[in-house]
Amino acid sequence: MVAARLPPAALTLKQFLQRQKVLGIYRSMLRAIQQVPEEADRKYLRDWARDEFKRNRGATDQDAVRMMITQAKNHLEELQKSLALARSS
């Protein structure tokens, strides 16, 4: 019987869950950006989000990743609050 082996680049469960969390935040951010009324502002925000997530793609330090997740959540909340205020005005 052959033992199942993980590929060398396999993620740990903790890394996998963090990756899913990051991807969820990224998708939520892109959805929120779609609600921005001005096309130029949407493009700027979309490019900014992509650049930030790409720039930090290779981060492996768990504490640094947690800090970046917290910062991304804060940016997302600020964007959502700004959009809600713009709609109510």
Protein backbone atom coordinates (compact mmCIF):
# COMPACT_ATOMS: atom_id res chain seq x y z
CA MET A 1 0.00 0.00 0.00
CA VAL A 2 1.37 3.39 -1.01
CA ALA A 3 1.30 6.11 1.67
CA ALA A 4 -0.34 9.36 0.61
CA ARG A 5 2.17 12.18 0.44
CA LEU A 6 1.52 15.88 0.44
CA PRO A 7 3.21 17.96 -2.22
CA PRO A 8 6.10 20.03 -0.82
CA ALA A 9 4.15 23.27 -1.28
CA ALA A 10 1.05 22.06 0.59
CA LEU A 11 -0.42 24.57 3.03
CA THR A 12 -1.01 23.81 6.67
CA LEU A 13 -4.59 24.02 7.88
CA LYS A 14 -3.87 27.37 9.54
CA GLN A 15 -2.33 28.75 6.32
CA PHE A 16 -5.24 27.43 4.27
CA LEU A 17 -7.80 29.10 6.56
CA GLN A 18 -5.89 32.39 6.50
CA ARG A 19 -5.71 32.21 2.71
CA GLN A 20 -9.47 31.71 2.52
CA LYS A 21 -10.00 34.67 4.86
CA VAL A 22 -7.74 36.89 2.72
CA LEU A 23 -9.49 35.85 -0.49
CA GLY A 24 -12.88 36.55 1.11
CA ILE A 25 -11.78 40.04 2.14
CA TYR A 26 -10.40 40.65 -1.36
CA ARG A 27 -13.68 39.59 -2.99
CA SER A 28 -15.68 41.71 -0.55
CA MET A 29 -13.47 44.69 -1.29
CA LEU A 30 -13.91 44.29 -5.05
CA ARG A 31 -17.70 44.01 -4.60
CA ALA A 32 -17.74 47.18 -2.49
CA ILE A 33 -15.59 48.99 -5.07
CA GLN A 34 -18.16 48.14 -7.75
CA GLN A 35 -20.64 50.34 -5.88
CA VAL A 36 -18.44 53.46 -6.18
CA PRO A 37 -20.31 55.83 -8.52
CA GLU A 38 -17.37 57.35 -10.44
CA GLU A 39 -15.58 55.11 -12.95
CA ALA A 40 -12.22 56.82 -12.37
CA ASP A 41 -12.53 56.29 -8.61
CA ARG A 42 -13.53 52.65 -9.14
CA LYS A 43 -10.49 52.06 -11.34
CA TYR A 44 -8.16 53.75 -8.85
CA LEU A 45 -9.51 51.72 -5.92
CA ARG A 46 -9.51 48.45 -7.87
CA ASP A 47 -5.89 49.00 -8.96
CA TRP A 48 -4.90 49.95 -5.40
CA ALA A 49 -6.53 46.83 -3.93
CA ARG A 50 -4.93 44.54 -6.52
CA ASP A 51 -1.50 46.08 -6.00
CA GLU A 52 -1.73 45.78 -2.20
CA PHE A 53 -2.82 42.15 -2.26
CA LYS A 54 -0.24 41.25 -4.92
CA ARG A 55 2.53 43.05 -3.03
CA ASN A 56 1.81 41.03 0.10
CA ARG A 57 1.16 37.71 -1.64
CA GLY A 58 4.44 36.16 -0.53
CA ALA A 59 4.11 37.06 3.16
CA THR A 60 4.66 34.03 5.37
CA ASP A 61 5.09 35.46 8.88
CA GLN A 62 1.84 34.58 10.69
CA ASP A 63 1.84 37.75 12.83
CA ALA A 64 2.43 39.97 9.80
CA VAL A 65 -0.35 38.22 7.88
CA ARG A 66 -2.78 38.68 10.79
CA MET A 67 -1.88 42.38 10.94
CA MET A 68 -2.45 42.75 7.18
CA ILE A 69 -5.82 40.97 7.48
CA THR A 70 -6.83 43.42 10.22
CA GLN A 71 -5.74 46.39 8.11
CA ALA A 72 -7.62 45.06 5.08
CA LYS A 73 -10.78 44.59 7.16
CA ASN A 74 -10.45 48.17 8.44
CA HIS A 75 -10.05 49.51 4.89
CA LEU A 76 -13.08 47.50 3.78
CA GLU A 77 -15.20 48.80 6.67
CA GLU A 78 -14.16 52.39 5.93
CA LEU A 79 -15.07 51.96 2.26
CA GLN A 80 -18.45 50.46 3.15
CA LYS A 81 -19.17 53.27 5.62
CA SER A 82 -18.22 55.90 3.04
CA LEU A 83 -20.49 54.28 0.45
CA ALA A 84 -23.36 54.11 2.95
CA LEU A 85 -22.92 57.80 3.78
CA ALA A 86 -22.80 58.72 0.10
CA ARG A 87 -26.04 56.82 -0.54
CA SER A 88 -27.85 58.43 2.39
CA SER A 89 -26.87 61.98 1.33
